[in-house]
Amino acid sequence: MRRWMGIPVAAVMVTACVTINVYFPAAEAREAAKEFVDKVIGEEVPAAAPADDKSGGPSAMLAPMSWRQLASRVDVYALVGIGSAHAQSPDISIKTPAIQAIQSRMAARFNSTLRAGFDAGALGFASDGTIVVRDASKLALKDRAQIQQAVAEDNRDRNAVYREVAVANGHPEWESQIREVFAKQWIASAHSGWWYQSGSSWKQK
């Protein structure tokens, strides 16, 4: 009896000694950035087909387990309130009204004005997550002012969304990391023939 009474005390002591460090969830940020970017400049990638069930069928799922097998599947740390590092890591949400409003503006602007500039080779994705007019000579004179204005408006929205994603997820200090992840995703999602900045030079996909 005395042996079992000591377990709750030990569990409390272990829990009190554990410090969970909240780190920047890079993988989740990349996934969120891809979702955001694809809805602005292109179609979403179709979901992958579910993998075949190789577990051996229903009979394998219903097979009885020994006490040893059952014990091996019990998460002792979860029983005393200590979650795994993965469970404690934050997700990256882009579903807030403010972020979705920015996304809608950017998608509408891209389809109405900016896409033509990218297709013509006049615009490019900069390495800092913004867009620039890299070669205005590829634009008709009558279109230059409109596209330059659209670029300025889009960059304001880009700066705003990087900040908003960080703030919405409770970590304003992540803004620079969010920007870096998005900057890479704009380039990764760029269509064939579009230009992007690589170091101090420009490259075409």
N, C-alpha and C. Protein backbone atom coordinates (compact mmCIF):
# COMPACT_ATOMS: atom_id res chain seq x y z
N MET A 1 0.84 -1.20 0.00
CA MET A 1 0.00 0.00 0.00
C MET A 1 0.87 1.25 0.00
N ARG A 2 1.91 1.24 0.85
CA ARG A 2 2.81 2.38 0.93
C ARG A 2 3.49 2.62 -0.40
N ARG A 3 3.81 1.53 -1.10
CA ARG A 3 4.47 1.64 -2.40
C ARG A 3 3.59 2.37 -3.41
N TRP A 4 2.30 2.07 -3.47
CA TRP A 4 1.39 2.71 -4.42
C TRP A 4 1.11 4.16 -4.06
N MET A 5 1.09 4.48 -2.76
CA MET A 5 0.82 5.85 -2.34
C MET A 5 1.93 6.80 -2.78
N GLY A 6 3.12 6.28 -2.99
CA GLY A 6 4.24 7.13 -3.38
C GLY A 6 4.22 7.53 -4.84
N ILE A 7 3.42 6.84 -5.67
CA ILE A 7 3.43 7.10 -7.11
C ILE A 7 2.91 8.50 -7.46
N PRO A 8 1.75 8.97 -6.92
CA PRO A 8 1.29 10.33 -7.26
C PRO A 8 2.30 11.40 -6.90
N VAL A 9 2.98 11.24 -5.74
CA VAL A 9 3.97 12.23 -5.33
C VAL A 9 5.12 12.26 -6.31
N ALA A 10 5.58 11.07 -6.72
CA ALA A 10 6.68 11.00 -7.69
C ALA A 10 6.27 11.62 -9.01
N ALA A 11 5.01 11.37 -9.42
CA ALA A 11 4.53 11.91 -10.69
C ALA A 11 4.52 13.43 -10.66
N VAL A 12 4.08 14.01 -9.53
CA VAL A 12 4.06 15.46 -9.40
C VAL A 12 5.46 16.03 -9.47
N MET A 13 6.41 15.35 -8.81
CA MET A 13 7.79 15.83 -8.80
C MET A 13 8.38 15.80 -10.20
N VAL A 14 8.10 14.71 -10.96
CA VAL A 14 8.63 14.62 -12.31
C VAL A 14 8.03 15.70 -13.19
N THR A 15 6.70 15.90 -13.05
CA THR A 15 6.02 16.91 -13.86
C THR A 15 6.57 18.30 -13.58
N ALA A 16 6.84 18.58 -12.31
CA ALA A 16 7.33 19.90 -11.92
C ALA A 16 8.71 20.18 -12.48
N CYS A 17 9.47 19.12 -12.74
CA CYS A 17 10.85 19.29 -13.20
C CYS A 17 10.95 19.41 -14.72
N VAL A 18 9.84 19.18 -15.41
CA VAL A 18 9.88 19.19 -16.87
C VAL A 18 9.59 20.58 -17.39
N THR A 19 10.42 21.08 -18.27
CA THR A 19 10.21 22.38 -18.91
C THR A 19 10.01 22.15 -20.40
N ILE A 20 8.88 22.61 -20.92
CA ILE A 20 8.58 22.44 -22.33
C ILE A 20 9.03 23.69 -23.09
N ASN A 21 9.98 23.53 -23.99
CA ASN A 21 10.45 24.65 -24.79
C ASN A 21 9.62 24.76 -26.06
N VAL A 22 9.01 25.91 -26.28
CA VAL A 22 8.23 26.14 -27.49
C VAL A 22 9.17 26.59 -28.59
N TYR A 23 9.35 25.76 -29.60
CA TYR A 23 10.26 26.08 -30.68
C TYR A 23 9.46 26.47 -31.92
N PHE A 24 10.12 27.10 -32.87
CA PHE A 24 9.44 27.50 -34.11
C PHE A 24 9.10 26.26 -34.92
N PRO A 25 7.82 26.02 -35.21
CA PRO A 25 7.40 24.81 -35.93
C PRO A 25 7.60 24.98 -37.44
N ALA A 26 8.81 24.74 -37.90
CA ALA A 26 9.15 25.01 -39.30
C ALA A 26 8.31 24.19 -40.28
N ALA A 27 8.11 22.91 -39.98
CA ALA A 27 7.34 22.06 -40.90
C ALA A 27 5.90 22.55 -41.02
N GLU A 28 5.29 22.90 -39.88
CA GLU A 28 3.92 23.40 -39.91
C GLU A 28 3.84 24.74 -40.63
N ALA A 29 4.88 25.57 -40.46
CA ALA A 29 4.91 26.87 -41.13
C ALA A 29 5.01 26.69 -42.64
N ARG A 30 5.81 25.73 -43.09
CA ARG A 30 5.92 25.47 -44.53
C ARG A 30 4.60 24.99 -45.10
N GLU A 31 3.91 24.15 -44.36
CA GLU A 31 2.61 23.65 -44.82
C GLU A 31 1.59 24.79 -44.92
N ALA A 32 1.59 25.67 -43.91
CA ALA A 32 0.67 26.81 -43.92
C ALA A 32 1.00 27.77 -45.06
N ALA A 33 2.30 28.00 -45.28
CA ALA A 33 2.72 28.91 -46.35
C ALA A 33 2.31 28.36 -47.71
N LYS A 34 2.46 27.07 -47.91
CA LYS A 34 2.09 26.47 -49.19
C LYS A 34 0.60 26.60 -49.45
N GLU A 35 -0.19 26.37 -48.41
CA GLU A 35 -1.64 26.51 -48.55
C GLU A 35 -2.01 27.94 -48.92
N PHE A 36 -1.40 28.90 -48.25
CA PHE A 36 -1.69 30.31 -48.52
C PHE A 36 -1.27 30.70 -49.93
N VAL A 37 -0.03 30.37 -50.29
CA VAL A 37 0.52 30.77 -51.58
C VAL A 37 -0.23 30.13 -52.74
N ASP A 38 -0.54 28.85 -52.63
CA ASP A 38 -1.24 28.16 -53.72
C ASP A 38 -2.62 28.76 -53.98
N LYS A 39 -3.25 29.28 -52.94
CA LYS A 39 -4.57 29.88 -53.14
C LYS A 39 -4.46 31.28 -53.75
N VAL A 40 -3.28 31.87 -53.68
CA VAL A 40 -3.08 33.19 -54.27
C VAL A 40 -2.66 33.08 -55.73
N ILE A 41 -1.70 32.21 -56.03
CA ILE A 41 -1.14 32.19 -57.39
C ILE A 41 -1.45 30.94 -58.20
N GLY A 42 -2.04 29.93 -57.57
CA GLY A 42 -2.30 28.72 -58.33
C GLY A 42 -3.24 27.78 -57.62
N GLU A 43 -3.53 26.67 -58.26
CA GLU A 43 -4.44 25.69 -57.70
C GLU A 43 -3.76 24.88 -56.60
N GLU A 44 -4.55 24.41 -55.69
CA GLU A 44 -4.02 23.56 -54.63
C GLU A 44 -3.63 22.20 -55.20
N VAL A 45 -2.63 21.60 -54.59
CA VAL A 45 -2.20 20.26 -54.99
C VAL A 45 -3.25 19.27 -54.52
N PRO A 46 -3.75 18.37 -55.40
CA PRO A 46 -4.75 17.39 -54.98
C PRO A 46 -4.22 16.54 -53.83
N ALA A 47 -5.12 16.18 -52.94
CA ALA A 47 -4.73 15.35 -51.81
C ALA A 47 -4.30 13.98 -52.29
N ALA A 48 -3.29 13.43 -51.65
CA ALA A 48 -2.79 12.11 -52.02
C ALA A 48 -3.81 11.05 -51.66
N ALA A 49 -3.87 9.99 -52.48
CA ALA A 49 -4.79 8.89 -52.22
C ALA A 49 -4.37 8.17 -50.95
N PRO A 50 -5.33 7.70 -50.14
CA PRO A 50 -4.98 7.00 -48.91
C PRO A 50 -4.19 5.74 -49.20
N ALA A 51 -3.22 5.46 -48.35
CA ALA A 51 -2.38 4.28 -48.53
C ALA A 51 -3.18 3.01 -48.30
N ASP A 52 -2.78 1.94 -48.98
CA ASP A 52 -3.44 0.65 -48.80
C ASP A 52 -3.23 0.16 -47.38
N ASP A 53 -4.25 -0.51 -46.86
CA ASP A 53 -4.17 -1.07 -45.51
C ASP A 53 -3.36 -2.35 -45.56
N LYS A 54 -2.17 -2.31 -44.96
CA LYS A 54 -1.29 -3.48 -44.95
C LYS A 54 -1.21 -4.11 -43.56
N SER A 55 -2.23 -3.83 -42.76
CA SER A 55 -2.19 -4.34 -41.39
C SER A 55 -2.60 -5.80 -41.29
N GLY A 56 -3.09 -6.36 -42.41
CA GLY A 56 -3.48 -7.77 -42.36
C GLY A 56 -4.97 -7.97 -42.26
N GLY A 57 -5.76 -6.87 -42.38
CA GLY A 57 -7.21 -7.01 -42.39
C GLY A 57 -7.80 -6.96 -41.01
N PRO A 58 -9.14 -7.08 -40.93
CA PRO A 58 -9.84 -6.98 -39.65
C PRO A 58 -9.39 -7.99 -38.63
N SER A 59 -9.04 -9.19 -39.09
CA SER A 59 -8.65 -10.23 -38.13
C SER A 59 -7.40 -9.83 -37.37
N ALA A 60 -6.47 -9.11 -38.07
CA ALA A 60 -5.25 -8.69 -37.40
C ALA A 60 -5.55 -7.63 -36.36
N MET A 61 -6.53 -6.75 -36.66
CA MET A 61 -6.87 -5.69 -35.72
C MET A 61 -7.52 -6.25 -34.47
N LEU A 62 -8.24 -7.37 -34.61
CA LEU A 62 -8.95 -7.94 -33.48
C LEU A 62 -8.14 -8.97 -32.72
N ALA A 63 -6.90 -9.22 -33.16
CA ALA A 63 -6.08 -10.22 -32.49
C ALA A 63 -5.79 -9.77 -31.06
N PRO A 64 -5.96 -10.66 -30.08
CA PRO A 64 -5.72 -10.28 -28.68
C PRO A 64 -4.25 -9.99 -28.42
N MET A 65 -3.99 -9.07 -27.49
CA MET A 65 -2.63 -8.72 -27.13
C MET A 65 -2.33 -9.26 -25.74
N SER A 66 -1.09 -9.61 -25.53
CA SER A 66 -0.67 -10.05 -24.20
C SER A 66 -0.53 -8.82 -23.31
N TRP A 67 -0.44 -9.05 -21.99
CA TRP A 67 -0.26 -7.93 -21.07
C TRP A 67 1.05 -7.19 -21.36
N ARG A 68 2.08 -7.92 -21.78
CA ARG A 68 3.36 -7.30 -22.09
C ARG A 68 3.23 -6.36 -23.29
N GLN A 69 2.48 -6.82 -24.34
CA GLN A 69 2.28 -5.99 -25.52
C GLN A 69 1.46 -4.75 -25.18
N LEU A 70 0.44 -4.95 -24.34
CA LEU A 70 -0.41 -3.82 -23.95
C LEU A 70 0.39 -2.79 -23.16
N ALA A 71 1.23 -3.26 -22.26
CA ALA A 71 2.02 -2.35 -21.44
C ALA A 71 2.99 -1.55 -22.29
N SER A 72 3.50 -2.18 -23.37
CA SER A 72 4.47 -1.48 -24.22
C SER A 72 3.84 -0.34 -24.98
N ARG A 73 2.50 -0.34 -25.10
CA ARG A 73 1.81 0.71 -25.85
C ARG A 73 1.29 1.83 -24.95
N VAL A 74 1.47 1.70 -23.66
CA VAL A 74 0.99 2.72 -22.74
C VAL A 74 2.03 3.82 -22.62
N ASP A 75 1.60 5.06 -22.80
CA ASP A 75 2.49 6.21 -22.66
C ASP A 75 2.49 6.63 -21.20
N VAL A 76 3.52 6.20 -20.47
CA VAL A 76 3.59 6.49 -19.04
C VAL A 76 3.66 7.98 -18.79
N TYR A 77 4.40 8.70 -19.64
CA TYR A 77 4.53 10.14 -19.45
C TYR A 77 3.20 10.85 -19.62
N ALA A 78 2.38 10.37 -20.55
CA ALA A 78 1.07 10.98 -20.75
C ALA A 78 0.20 10.78 -19.52
N LEU A 79 0.35 9.63 -18.84
CA LEU A 79 -0.45 9.35 -17.66
C LEU A 79 -0.16 10.32 -16.52
N VAL A 80 1.06 10.85 -16.47
CA VAL A 80 1.40 11.78 -15.39
C VAL A 80 1.38 13.23 -15.88
N GLY A 81 0.82 13.44 -17.09
CA GLY A 81 0.64 14.81 -17.57
C GLY A 81 1.78 15.38 -18.35
N ILE A 82 2.71 14.54 -18.81
CA ILE A 82 3.84 15.03 -19.59
C ILE A 82 3.63 14.62 -21.03
N GLY A 83 3.26 15.56 -21.90
CA GLY A 83 3.03 15.24 -23.29
C GLY A 83 4.35 15.13 -24.03
N SER A 84 4.29 14.54 -25.20
CA SER A 84 5.49 14.45 -26.02
C SER A 84 5.84 15.82 -26.57
N ALA A 85 7.07 15.96 -27.08
CA ALA A 85 7.51 17.24 -27.63
C ALA A 85 6.66 17.63 -28.82
N HIS A 86 6.25 16.64 -29.62
CA HIS A 86 5.42 16.94 -30.79
C HIS A 86 4.07 17.48 -30.38
N ALA A 87 3.50 16.87 -29.31
CA ALA A 87 2.18 17.32 -28.86
C ALA A 87 2.24 18.73 -28.31
N GLN A 88 3.39 19.11 -27.75
CA GLN A 88 3.52 20.43 -27.17
C GLN A 88 3.88 21.50 -28.19
N SER A 89 4.30 21.11 -29.38
CA SER A 89 4.69 22.10 -30.37
C SER A 89 3.45 22.76 -30.96
N PRO A 90 3.48 24.08 -31.17
CA PRO A 90 2.31 24.78 -31.67
C PRO A 90 2.08 24.53 -33.15
N ASP A 91 0.84 24.67 -33.56
CA ASP A 91 0.50 24.58 -34.97
C ASP A 91 0.56 26.00 -35.53
N ILE A 92 0.52 26.12 -36.86
CA ILE A 92 0.49 27.44 -37.49
C ILE A 92 -0.86 27.59 -38.17
N SER A 93 -1.65 28.52 -37.68
CA SER A 93 -2.99 28.74 -38.23
C SER A 93 -3.00 29.95 -39.15
N ILE A 94 -3.68 29.81 -40.30
CA ILE A 94 -3.86 30.94 -41.22
C ILE A 94 -5.35 31.16 -41.48
N LYS A 95 -6.17 30.71 -40.54
CA LYS A 95 -7.62 30.75 -40.72
C LYS A 95 -8.30 31.91 -40.01
N THR A 96 -7.55 32.91 -39.59
CA THR A 96 -8.18 34.04 -38.93
C THR A 96 -8.83 34.96 -39.97
N PRO A 97 -9.85 35.72 -39.59
CA PRO A 97 -10.49 36.63 -40.55
C PRO A 97 -9.52 37.62 -41.18
N ALA A 98 -8.57 38.14 -40.38
CA ALA A 98 -7.62 39.12 -40.91
C ALA A 98 -6.72 38.50 -41.97
N ILE A 99 -6.22 37.30 -41.71
CA ILE A 99 -5.33 36.64 -42.67
C ILE A 99 -6.09 36.27 -43.94
N GLN A 100 -7.30 35.77 -43.78
CA GLN A 100 -8.08 35.37 -44.95
C GLN A 100 -8.50 36.57 -45.79
N ALA A 101 -8.72 37.72 -45.14
CA ALA A 101 -9.05 38.93 -45.88
C ALA A 101 -7.86 39.37 -46.73
N ILE A 102 -6.66 39.30 -46.16
CA ILE A 102 -5.45 39.64 -46.91
C ILE A 102 -5.27 38.67 -48.08
N GLN A 103 -5.48 37.40 -47.81
CA GLN A 103 -5.33 36.38 -48.86
C GLN A 103 -6.29 36.63 -50.02
N SER A 104 -7.52 36.99 -49.71
CA SER A 104 -8.51 37.26 -50.75
C SER A 104 -8.11 38.46 -51.60
N ARG A 105 -7.62 39.52 -50.94
CA ARG A 105 -7.17 40.70 -51.69
C ARG A 105 -6.01 40.36 -52.60
N MET A 106 -5.06 39.60 -52.08
CA MET A 106 -3.88 39.25 -52.87
C MET A 106 -4.24 38.37 -54.06
N ALA A 107 -5.15 37.42 -53.85
CA ALA A 107 -5.56 36.54 -54.95
C ALA A 107 -6.27 37.33 -56.04
N ALA A 108 -7.16 38.24 -55.65
CA ALA A 108 -7.87 39.05 -56.63
C ALA A 108 -6.91 39.95 -57.39
N ARG A 109 -5.97 40.55 -56.68
CA ARG A 109 -4.99 41.44 -57.31
C ARG A 109 -4.06 40.67 -58.25
N PHE A 110 -3.69 39.47 -57.83
CA PHE A 110 -2.79 38.68 -58.65
C PHE A 110 -3.46 38.29 -59.97
N ASN A 111 -4.71 37.85 -59.88
CA ASN A 111 -5.41 37.41 -61.08
C ASN A 111 -5.77 38.57 -62.01
N SER A 112 -6.03 39.74 -61.44
CA SER A 112 -6.46 40.87 -62.27
C SER A 112 -5.30 41.66 -62.87
N THR A 113 -4.16 41.68 -62.17
CA THR A 113 -3.07 42.57 -62.60
C THR A 113 -1.69 41.91 -62.60
N LEU A 114 -1.32 41.32 -61.49
CA LEU A 114 0.07 40.89 -61.32
C LEU A 114 0.44 39.67 -62.16
N ARG A 115 -0.50 38.77 -62.38
CA ARG A 115 -0.17 37.57 -63.15
C ARG A 115 0.38 37.92 -64.53
N ALA A 116 -0.23 38.92 -65.16
CA ALA A 116 0.23 39.33 -66.49
C ALA A 116 1.67 39.84 -66.43
N GLY A 117 2.02 40.52 -65.34
CA GLY A 117 3.38 41.01 -65.19
C GLY A 117 4.38 39.89 -65.02
N PHE A 118 3.99 38.84 -64.29
CA PHE A 118 4.88 37.68 -64.13
C PHE A 118 5.00 36.92 -65.45
N ASP A 119 3.88 36.76 -66.15
CA ASP A 119 3.91 36.04 -67.42
C ASP A 119 4.78 36.76 -68.45
N ALA A 120 4.80 38.09 -68.37
CA ALA A 120 5.60 38.88 -69.32
C ALA A 120 7.08 38.92 -68.94
N GLY A 121 7.40 38.49 -67.72
CA GLY A 121 8.79 38.53 -67.27
C GLY A 121 9.18 39.85 -66.65
N ALA A 122 8.20 40.72 -66.42
CA ALA A 122 8.50 42.03 -65.85
C ALA A 122 8.65 41.98 -64.33
N LEU A 123 7.91 41.09 -63.69
CA LEU A 123 7.92 40.99 -62.24
C LEU A 123 8.69 39.76 -61.78
N GLY A 124 9.13 39.81 -60.53
CA GLY A 124 9.83 38.66 -59.97
C GLY A 124 9.62 38.58 -58.48
N PHE A 125 9.78 37.37 -57.94
CA PHE A 125 9.69 37.17 -56.50
C PHE A 125 11.06 37.46 -55.88
N ALA A 126 11.09 38.42 -54.96
CA ALA A 126 12.34 38.76 -54.28
C ALA A 126 12.62 37.77 -53.16
N SER A 127 13.86 37.71 -52.74
CA SER A 127 14.26 36.75 -51.71
C SER A 127 13.77 37.12 -50.32
N ASP A 128 13.22 38.34 -50.16
CA ASP A 128 12.72 38.76 -48.85
C ASP A 128 11.21 38.61 -48.71
N GLY A 129 10.58 37.90 -49.66
CA GLY A 129 9.15 37.66 -49.56
C GLY A 129 8.29 38.71 -50.21
N THR A 130 8.89 39.68 -50.90
CA THR A 130 8.13 40.69 -51.61
C THR A 130 8.22 40.41 -53.11
N ILE A 131 7.58 41.27 -53.91
CA ILE A 131 7.72 41.19 -55.37
C ILE A 131 8.28 42.51 -55.86
N VAL A 132 8.96 42.47 -56.99
CA VAL A 132 9.58 43.68 -57.53
C VAL A 132 9.36 43.75 -59.04
N VAL A 133 9.42 44.98 -59.55
CA VAL A 133 9.41 45.18 -61.00
C VAL A 133 10.87 45.05 -61.44
N ARG A 134 11.21 43.91 -61.99
CA ARG A 134 12.61 43.65 -62.35
C ARG A 134 12.96 44.15 -63.75
N ASP A 135 11.95 44.29 -64.62
CA ASP A 135 12.22 44.76 -65.99
C ASP A 135 10.96 45.43 -66.53
N ALA A 136 10.85 46.74 -66.27
CA ALA A 136 9.66 47.48 -66.68
C ALA A 136 9.53 47.57 -68.19
N SER A 137 10.62 47.36 -68.93
CA SER A 137 10.56 47.46 -70.39
C SER A 137 9.68 46.37 -71.00
N LYS A 138 9.39 45.33 -70.24
CA LYS A 138 8.54 44.25 -70.75
C LYS A 138 7.06 44.55 -70.57
N LEU A 139 6.76 45.71 -69.99
CA LEU A 139 5.38 46.13 -69.81
C LEU A 139 5.02 47.21 -70.82
N ALA A 140 3.79 47.17 -71.30
CA ALA A 140 3.32 48.25 -72.17
C ALA A 140 3.26 49.54 -71.36
N LEU A 141 3.54 50.65 -72.00
CA LEU A 141 3.56 51.94 -71.30
C LEU A 141 2.26 52.20 -70.55
N LYS A 142 1.14 51.83 -71.17
CA LYS A 142 -0.16 52.11 -70.56
C LYS A 142 -0.41 51.26 -69.32
N ASP A 143 0.36 50.17 -69.15
CA ASP A 143 0.13 49.27 -68.02
C ASP A 143 1.10 49.49 -66.86
N ARG A 144 2.16 50.25 -67.08
CA ARG A 144 3.22 50.34 -66.08
C ARG A 144 2.76 50.95 -64.77
N ALA A 145 2.04 52.04 -64.84
CA ALA A 145 1.60 52.71 -63.61
C ALA A 145 0.67 51.81 -62.80
N GLN A 146 -0.23 51.13 -63.48
CA GLN A 146 -1.18 50.26 -62.78
C GLN A 146 -0.46 49.09 -62.10
N ILE A 147 0.50 48.49 -62.80
CA ILE A 147 1.21 47.35 -62.23
C ILE A 147 2.13 47.79 -61.09
N GLN A 148 2.77 48.94 -61.23
CA GLN A 148 3.62 49.43 -60.15
C GLN A 148 2.80 49.73 -58.89
N GLN A 149 1.60 50.25 -59.09
CA GLN A 149 0.73 50.50 -57.94
C GLN A 149 0.30 49.17 -57.31
N ALA A 150 -0.01 48.18 -58.15
CA ALA A 150 -0.41 46.87 -57.64
C ALA A 150 0.73 46.21 -56.87
N VAL A 151 1.96 46.38 -57.34
CA VAL A 151 3.13 45.83 -56.65
C VAL A 151 3.26 46.46 -55.26
N ALA A 152 3.11 47.77 -55.19
CA ALA A 152 3.22 48.46 -53.89
C ALA A 152 2.13 47.99 -52.93
N GLU A 153 0.91 47.85 -53.43
CA GLU A 153 -0.20 47.39 -52.58
C GLU A 153 0.02 45.95 -52.14
N ASP A 154 0.52 45.13 -53.05
CA ASP A 154 0.74 43.72 -52.71
C ASP A 154 1.83 43.57 -51.66
N ASN A 155 2.88 44.37 -51.77
CA ASN A 155 3.95 44.29 -50.78
C ASN A 155 3.49 44.74 -49.40
N ARG A 156 2.57 45.70 -49.36
CA ARG A 156 2.00 46.08 -48.06
C ARG A 156 1.24 44.91 -47.46
N ASP A 157 0.48 44.21 -48.30
CA ASP A 157 -0.26 43.05 -47.80
C ASP A 157 0.68 41.92 -47.41
N ARG A 158 1.75 41.74 -48.15
CA ARG A 158 2.72 40.69 -47.80
C ARG A 158 3.34 40.97 -46.44
N ASN A 159 3.80 42.18 -46.23
CA ASN A 159 4.39 42.53 -44.93
C ASN A 159 3.37 42.36 -43.82
N ALA A 160 2.12 42.72 -44.12
CA ALA A 160 1.07 42.60 -43.11
C ALA A 160 0.77 41.15 -42.77
N VAL A 161 0.75 40.27 -43.78
CA VAL A 161 0.38 38.89 -43.51
C VAL A 161 1.47 38.16 -42.74
N TYR A 162 2.74 38.46 -42.99
CA TYR A 162 3.81 37.82 -42.23
C TYR A 162 3.70 38.19 -40.75
N ARG A 163 3.42 39.46 -40.52
CA ARG A 163 3.25 39.93 -39.14
C ARG A 163 2.00 39.32 -38.51
N GLU A 164 0.91 39.28 -39.28
CA GLU A 164 -0.37 38.78 -38.75
C GLU A 164 -0.31 37.29 -38.43
N VAL A 165 0.37 36.51 -39.25
CA VAL A 165 0.49 35.07 -38.98
C VAL A 165 1.24 34.85 -37.67
N ALA A 166 2.31 35.59 -37.46
CA ALA A 166 3.07 35.45 -36.22
C ALA A 166 2.23 35.86 -35.01
N VAL A 167 1.55 36.99 -35.11
CA VAL A 167 0.74 37.49 -33.99
C VAL A 167 -0.44 36.57 -33.73
N ALA A 168 -1.10 36.11 -34.79
CA ALA A 168 -2.28 35.26 -34.64
C ALA A 168 -1.94 33.94 -33.96
N ASN A 169 -0.69 33.51 -34.08
CA ASN A 169 -0.27 32.25 -33.46
C ASN A 169 0.43 32.47 -32.13
N GLY A 170 0.32 33.69 -31.60
CA GLY A 170 0.81 33.96 -30.26
C GLY A 170 2.30 34.18 -30.12
N HIS A 171 3.00 34.38 -31.26
CA HIS A 171 4.45 34.57 -31.20
C HIS A 171 4.89 35.66 -32.17
N PRO A 172 4.71 36.93 -31.81
CA PRO A 172 5.13 38.02 -32.70
C PRO A 172 6.61 37.94 -33.07
N GLU A 173 7.41 37.33 -32.20
CA GLU A 173 8.85 37.24 -32.46
C GLU A 173 9.18 36.30 -33.61
N TRP A 174 8.19 35.56 -34.10
CA TRP A 174 8.41 34.65 -35.22
C TRP A 174 8.27 35.33 -36.58
N GLU A 175 7.99 36.63 -36.61
CA GLU A 175 7.69 37.30 -37.88
C GLU A 175 8.79 37.09 -38.92
N SER A 176 10.05 37.25 -38.53
CA SER A 176 11.14 37.11 -39.51
C SER A 176 11.23 35.68 -40.02
N GLN A 177 10.96 34.70 -39.16
CA GLN A 177 11.00 33.30 -39.60
C GLN A 177 9.83 32.98 -40.51
N ILE A 178 8.66 33.53 -40.19
CA ILE A 178 7.50 33.35 -41.05
C ILE A 178 7.78 33.95 -42.43
N ARG A 179 8.36 35.13 -42.44
CA ARG A 179 8.70 35.79 -43.71
C ARG A 179 9.65 34.92 -44.54
N GLU A 180 10.65 34.37 -43.89
CA GLU A 180 11.63 33.54 -44.60
C GLU A 180 10.98 32.30 -45.21
N VAL A 181 10.08 31.66 -44.45
CA VAL A 181 9.39 30.47 -44.95
C VAL A 181 8.51 30.83 -46.14
N PHE A 182 7.76 31.93 -46.03
CA PHE A 182 6.89 32.35 -47.13
C PHE A 182 7.71 32.75 -48.35
N ALA A 183 8.83 33.43 -48.14
CA ALA A 183 9.67 33.85 -49.27
C ALA A 183 10.11 32.65 -50.09
N LYS A 184 10.51 31.58 -49.41
CA LYS A 184 10.93 30.37 -50.12
C LYS A 184 9.75 29.71 -50.82
N GLN A 185 8.56 29.80 -50.21
CA GLN A 185 7.40 29.14 -50.82
C GLN A 185 6.91 29.87 -52.06
N TRP A 186 6.97 31.21 -52.06
CA TRP A 186 6.59 31.94 -53.28
C TRP A 186 7.44 31.47 -54.45
N ILE A 187 8.73 31.29 -54.19
CA ILE A 187 9.64 30.86 -55.25
C ILE A 187 9.37 29.41 -55.64
N ALA A 188 9.15 28.56 -54.64
CA ALA A 188 8.89 27.14 -54.92
C ALA A 188 7.60 26.95 -55.72
N SER A 189 6.61 27.80 -55.48
CA SER A 189 5.32 27.67 -56.17
C SER A 189 5.25 28.46 -57.47
N ALA A 190 6.30 29.21 -57.78
CA ALA A 190 6.29 30.02 -59.01
C ALA A 190 6.12 29.12 -60.23
N HIS A 191 5.39 29.61 -61.21
CA HIS A 191 5.13 28.84 -62.42
C HIS A 191 6.33 28.88 -63.35
N SER A 192 6.36 27.94 -64.27
CA SER A 192 7.44 27.88 -65.25
C SER A 192 7.49 29.18 -66.05
N GLY A 193 8.69 29.73 -66.20
CA GLY A 193 8.86 30.97 -66.94
C GLY A 193 8.89 32.21 -66.07
N TRP A 194 8.46 32.10 -64.81
CA TRP A 194 8.48 33.25 -63.91
C TRP A 194 9.88 33.43 -63.34
N TRP A 195 10.16 34.66 -62.90
CA TRP A 195 11.49 35.01 -62.40
C TRP A 195 11.49 35.10 -60.88
N TYR A 196 12.65 34.80 -60.31
CA TYR A 196 12.82 34.89 -58.86
C TYR A 196 14.27 35.28 -58.55
N GLN A 197 14.44 35.87 -57.39
CA GLN A 197 15.77 36.33 -56.98
C GLN A 197 16.52 35.21 -56.27
N SER A 198 17.77 35.03 -56.66
CA SER A 198 18.65 34.04 -56.03
C SER A 198 19.96 34.74 -55.72
N GLY A 199 20.15 35.09 -54.46
CA GLY A 199 21.32 35.88 -54.10
C GLY A 199 21.19 37.27 -54.69
N SER A 200 22.19 37.68 -55.46
CA SER A 200 22.15 39.02 -56.07
C SER A 200 21.73 38.97 -57.54
N SER A 201 21.35 37.79 -58.02
CA SER A 201 20.98 37.65 -59.43
C SER A 201 19.54 37.16 -59.56
N TRP A 202 19.05 37.19 -60.79
CA TRP A 202 17.70 36.73 -61.09
C TRP A 202 17.76 35.47 -61.93
N LYS A 203 16.86 34.54 -61.63
CA LYS A 203 16.78 33.29 -62.37
C LYS A 203 15.35 33.05 -62.84
N GLN A 204 15.22 32.30 -63.91
CA GLN A 204 13.91 31.99 -64.47
C GLN A 204 13.61 30.51 -64.27
N LYS A 205 12.41 30.22 -63.81
CA LYS A 205 12.05 28.81 -63.60
C LYS A 205 11.76 28.13 -64.92
